[in-house]
C-alpha atoms as a PDB file:
ATOM      1  CA  MET A   1      69.955  27.264 148.873  1.00  0.00           C
ATOM      2  CA  GLN A   2      70.369  24.973 151.867  1.00  0.00           C
ATOM      3  CA  ASN A   3      67.504  22.939 153.272  1.00  0.00           C
ATOM      4  CA  ILE A   4      67.538  24.865 156.548  1.00  0.00           C
ATOM      5  CA  LYS A   5      67.237  28.209 154.749  1.00  0.00           C
ATOM      6  CA  LEU A   6      64.393  26.871 152.602  1.00  0.00           C
ATOM      7  CA  ALA A   7      62.644  25.533 155.698  1.00  0.00           C
ATOM      8  CA  CYS A   8      62.911  28.929 157.403  1.00  0.00           C
ATOM      9  CA  TYR A   9      61.792  30.777 154.272  1.00  0.00           C
ATOM     10  CA  TYR A  10      58.644  28.619 153.828  1.00  0.00           C
ATOM     11  CA  ASN A  11      58.117  28.106 157.573  1.00  0.00           C
ATOM     12  CA  ILE A  12      58.236  24.303 157.375  1.00  0.00           C
ATOM     13  CA  ALA A  13      60.379  21.605 158.952  1.00  0.00           C
ATOM     14  CA  SER A  14      63.759  20.893 157.333  1.00  0.00           C
ATOM     15  CA  ASN A  15      62.920  17.185 156.925  1.00  0.00           C
ATOM     16  CA  THR A  16      59.872  18.241 154.889  1.00  0.00           C
ATOM     17  CA  VAL A  17      62.186  20.101 152.519  1.00  0.00           C
ATOM     18  CA  SER A  18      64.357  16.977 152.249  1.00  0.00           C
ATOM     19  CA  ASP A  19      61.309  14.806 151.501  1.00  0.00           C
ATOM     20  CA  ILE A  20      60.113  17.203 148.814  1.00  0.00           C
ATOM     21  CA  LEU A  21      63.539  17.349 147.172  1.00  0.00           C
ATOM     22  CA  LYS A  22      63.785  13.534 147.162  1.00  0.00           C
ATOM     23  CA  ARG A  23      60.477  13.317 145.303  1.00  0.00           C
ATOM     24  CA  LYS A  24      60.971  16.376 143.071  1.00  0.00           C
ATOM     25  CA  SER A  25      60.698  14.343 139.858  1.00  0.00           C
ATOM     26  CA  GLU A  26      57.167  13.320 140.860  1.00  0.00           C
ATOM     27  CA  TYR A  27      56.164  16.890 141.640  1.00  0.00           C
ATOM     28  CA  LEU A  28      57.519  18.282 138.388  1.00  0.00           C
ATOM     29  CA  PHE A  29      55.125  16.217 136.261  1.00  0.00           C
ATOM     30  CA  VAL A  30      51.906  16.838 138.182  1.00  0.00           C
ATOM     31  CA  SER A  31      48.922  17.753 136.030  1.00  0.00           C
ATOM     32  CA  ASN A  32      46.705  20.740 136.775  1.00  0.00           C
ATOM     33  CA  SER A  33      43.906  18.484 137.995  1.00  0.00           C
ATOM     34  CA  GLU A  34      46.202  17.009 140.641  1.00  0.00           C
ATOM     35  CA  LEU A  35      47.485  20.295 142.067  1.00  0.00           C
ATOM     36  CA  LYS A  36      44.662  20.445 144.631  1.00  0.00           C
ATOM     37  CA  ARG A  37      45.480  17.005 146.011  1.00  0.00           C
ATOM     38  CA  LYS A  38      47.542  16.582 149.148  1.00  0.00           C
ATOM     39  CA  ARG A  39      49.024  13.268 148.071  1.00  0.00           C
ATOM     40  CA  PHE A  40      50.167  12.263 144.626  1.00  0.00           C
ATOM     41  CA  ARG A  41      49.470   8.567 144.358  1.00  0.00           C
ATOM     42  CA  GLN A  42      50.078   6.712 141.151  1.00  0.00           C
ATOM     43  CA  PRO A  43      47.424   4.228 140.036  1.00  0.00           C
ATOM     44  CA  ILE A  44      48.171   0.597 140.873  1.00  0.00           C
ATOM     45  CA  TYR A  45      48.059  -0.399 137.203  1.00  0.00           C
ATOM     46  CA  LYS A  46      49.713   2.636 135.615  1.00  0.00           C
ATOM     47  CA  GLU A  47      50.126   0.963 132.212  1.00  0.00           C
ATOM     48  CA  ILE A  48      46.364   0.413 131.965  1.00  0.00           C
ATOM     49  CA  ASP A  49      45.691   3.968 133.120  1.00  0.00           C
ATOM     50  CA  ASP A  50      48.094   5.404 130.542  1.00  0.00           C
ATOM     51  CA  ALA A  51      46.741   3.214 127.727  1.00  0.00           C
ATOM     52  CA  VAL A  52      43.119   4.160 128.469  1.00  0.00           C
ATOM     53  CA  GLY A  53      44.141   7.826 128.701  1.00  0.00           C
ATOM     54  CA  ILE A  54      45.768   7.737 125.261  1.00  0.00           C
ATOM     55  CA  TRP A  55      42.839   5.839 123.778  1.00  0.00           C
ATOM     56  CA  MET A  56      40.400   8.314 125.351  1.00  0.00           C
ATOM     57  CA  SER A  57      42.200  11.303 123.758  1.00  0.00           C
ATOM     58  CA  GLN A  58      42.056   9.657 120.347  1.00  0.00           C
ATOM     59  CA  PHE A  59      38.389   8.730 120.829  1.00  0.00           C
ATOM     60  CA  LEU A  60      37.399  12.256 121.855  1.00  0.00           C
ATOM     61  CA  ALA A  61      39.312  13.693 118.888  1.00  0.00           C
ATOM     62  CA  THR A  62      36.737  11.986 116.627  1.00  0.00           C
ATOM     63  CA  ASN A  63      33.991  14.029 118.371  1.00  0.00           C
ATOM     64  CA  GLN A  64      32.179  10.966 119.672  1.00  0.00           C
ATOM     65  CA  THR A  65      30.277  10.654 122.932  1.00  0.00           C
ATOM     66  CA  LEU A  66      32.224   8.916 125.665  1.00  0.00           C
ATOM     67  CA  ARG A  67      30.470   7.170 128.533  1.00  0.00           C
ATOM     68  CA  GLY A  68      31.803   5.548 131.665  1.00  0.00           C
ATOM     69  CA  ASN A  69      30.877   2.033 130.591  1.00  0.00           C
ATOM     70  CA  ILE A  70      32.924   2.480 127.410  1.00  0.00           C
ATOM     71  CA  LEU A  71      35.956   3.507 129.479  1.00  0.00           C
ATOM     72  CA  GLN A  72      35.477   0.472 131.724  1.00  0.00           C
ATOM     73  CA  LYS A  73      35.252  -1.903 128.751  1.00  0.00           C
ATOM     74  CA  LYS A  74      38.406  -0.427 127.216  1.00  0.00           C
ATOM     75  CA  ALA A  75      40.239  -0.724 130.533  1.00  0.00           C
ATOM     76  CA  LYS A  76      39.276  -4.416 130.742  1.00  0.00           C
ATOM     77  CA  GLN A  77      40.490  -4.943 127.173  1.00  0.00           C
ATOM     78  CA  PHE A  78      43.841  -3.323 127.939  1.00  0.00           C
ATOM     79  CA  ALA A  79      44.155  -5.350 131.143  1.00  0.00           C
ATOM     80  CA  ALA A  80      43.618  -8.534 129.124  1.00  0.00           C
ATOM     81  CA  ARG A  81      46.218  -7.410 126.544  1.00  0.00           C
ATOM     82  CA  PHE A  82      48.730  -6.724 129.298  1.00  0.00           C
ATOM     83  CA  GLY A  83      47.946 -10.067 130.962  1.00  0.00           C
ATOM     84  CA  ILE A  84      46.642  -8.503 134.174  1.00  0.00           C
ATOM     85  CA  THR A  85      43.909 -10.737 135.542  1.00  0.00           C
ATOM     86  CA  GLU A  86      43.258  -9.172 138.964  1.00  0.00           C
ATOM     87  CA  PHE A  87      42.269  -5.748 137.571  1.00  0.00           C
ATOM     88  CA  THR A  88      38.653  -4.692 138.098  1.00  0.00           C
ATOM     89  CA  THR A  89      36.861  -1.669 136.674  1.00  0.00           C
ATOM     90  CA  SER A  90      34.721  -0.675 139.611  1.00  0.00           C
ATOM     91  CA  ALA A  91      32.818   2.575 139.989  1.00  0.00           C
ATOM     92  CA  CYS A  92      35.630   3.706 142.294  1.00  0.00           C
ATOM     93  CA  TRP A  93      38.228   3.030 139.572  1.00  0.00           C
ATOM     94  CA  LEU A  94      36.145   5.017 137.081  1.00  0.00           C
ATOM     95  CA  THR A  95      35.763   7.963 139.474  1.00  0.00           C
ATOM     96  CA  ASN A  96      39.498   8.035 140.199  1.00  0.00           C
ATOM     97  CA  PHE A  97      40.363   7.694 136.498  1.00  0.00           C
ATOM     98  CA  LYS A  98      38.125  10.637 135.655  1.00  0.00           C
ATOM     99  CA  ARG A  99      39.721  12.693 138.415  1.00  0.00           C
ATOM    100  CA  ARG A 100      43.265  11.815 137.316  1.00  0.00           C
ATOM    101  CA  HIS A 101      42.547  12.689 133.682  1.00  0.00           C
ATOM    102  CA  ASN A 102      40.272  15.661 134.396  1.00  0.00           C
ATOM    103  CA  VAL A 103      37.272  14.116 132.620  1.00  0.00           C
ATOM    104  CA  GLN A 104      34.086  16.105 133.066  1.00  0.00           C
ATOM    105  CA  SER A 105      30.573  15.418 131.920  1.00  0.00           C
ATOM    106  CA  TYR A 106      28.748  17.840 129.694  1.00  0.00           C
ATOM    107  CA  VAL A 107      25.648  17.935 127.520  1.00  0.00           C
ATOM    108  CA  LYS A 108      26.094  18.220 123.788  1.00  0.00           C
ATOM    109  CA  SER A 109      23.693  20.563 122.097  1.00  0.00           C
ATOM    110  CA  GLY A 110      23.014  21.765 118.595  1.00  0.00           C
ATOM    111  CA  GLU A 111      24.748  20.014 115.715  1.00  0.00           C
ATOM    112  CA  ALA A 112      27.111  18.115 118.033  1.00  0.00           C
ATOM    113  CA  ALA A 113      24.173  16.352 119.685  1.00  0.00           C
ATOM    114  CA  SER A 114      22.560  15.318 116.413  1.00  0.00           C
ATOM    115  CA  GLY A 115      25.658  14.209 114.503  1.00  0.00           C
ATOM    116  CA  PRO A 116      25.883  10.686 113.083  1.00  0.00           C
ATOM    117  CA  SER A 117      28.154   8.027 114.520  1.00  0.00           C
ATOM    118  CA  LEU A 118      31.569   7.290 113.023  1.00  0.00           C
ATOM    119  CA  GLU A 119      30.235   4.056 111.494  1.00  0.00           C
ATOM    120  CA  LYS A 120      27.433   5.935 109.728  1.00  0.00           C
ATOM    121  CA  ILE A 121      29.865   8.566 108.466  1.00  0.00           C
ATOM    122  CA  ASN A 122      32.099   5.883 106.938  1.00  0.00           C
ATOM    123  CA  LYS A 123      29.054   4.216 105.364  1.00  0.00           C
ATOM    124  CA  TYR A 124      27.903   7.576 103.895  1.00  0.00           C
ATOM    125  CA  LYS A 125      31.383   8.266 102.520  1.00  0.00           C
ATOM    126  CA  GLN A 126      31.389   4.901 100.771  1.00  0.00           C
ATOM    127  CA  GLU A 127      27.896   5.460  99.322  1.00  0.00           C
ATOM    128  CA  ILE A 128      28.858   8.916  98.054  1.00  0.00           C
ATOM    129  CA  ALA A 129      32.067   7.595  96.487  1.00  0.00           C
ATOM    130  CA  GLU A 130      30.074   4.884  94.671  1.00  0.00           C
ATOM    131  CA  LYS A 131      27.546   7.438  93.375  1.00  0.00           C
ATOM    132  CA  LEU A 132      30.264   9.870  92.263  1.00  0.00           C
ATOM    133  CA  SER A 133      32.092   7.142  90.359  1.00  0.00           C
ATOM    134  CA  GLU A 134      29.145   7.104  87.917  1.00  0.00           C
ATOM    135  CA  TYR A 135      29.933  10.697  86.802  1.00  0.00           C
ATOM    136  CA  ALA A 136      32.853  12.336  85.030  1.00  0.00           C
ATOM    137  CA  LEU A 137      35.057  14.452  87.301  1.00  0.00           C
ATOM    138  CA  GLU A 138      34.246  17.681  85.423  1.00  0.00           C
ATOM    139  CA  ASP A 139      30.508  17.083  86.057  1.00  0.00           C
ATOM    140  CA  ILE A 140      30.889  17.079  89.847  1.00  0.00           C
ATOM    141  CA  TYR A 141      30.373  20.387  91.677  1.00  0.00           C
ATOM    142  CA  ASN A 142      30.494  21.464  95.301  1.00  0.00           C
ATOM    143  CA  TYR A 143      26.992  22.727  96.020  1.00  0.00           C
ATOM    144  CA  ASP A 144      28.255  25.112  98.729  1.00  0.00           C
ATOM    145  CA  LYS A 145      30.387  26.924  96.141  1.00  0.00           C
ATOM    146  CA  THR A 146      27.657  27.396  93.501  1.00  0.00           C
ATOM    147  CA  GLY A 147      25.981  30.455  95.088  1.00  0.00           C
ATOM    148  CA  ILE A 148      22.512  28.957  94.617  1.00  0.00           C
END
């Protein structure tokens, strides 16, 4: 379809159609959280943003609590690794990062709120492994499966 026909169909100027088609690769990879925005601006330090985003997904997969100050510390660490000295993790950066990655705050309740940290879990695993090494394998039972 020609630009003029598209412009008439959507009731917009033909140069707007041209601008959209020039930037179509940017529009094709827009996340759901960015659909409401009028402008699609990339972060100044995209490599830091991407690295923190990947780290954040891995961190949340371990079911740990994530706070803003942790994100800011990680962003500073990645900036140092990438050799970027002028990067700052201001409250504005944090707000924009959360908006770009659709991060929302919520309150954990029930078992999720009372769960131990990853460090404690690893310590408990080690303690249990040491205790179990004192017994023969056939003498170890899963208490959940005993029906008691």
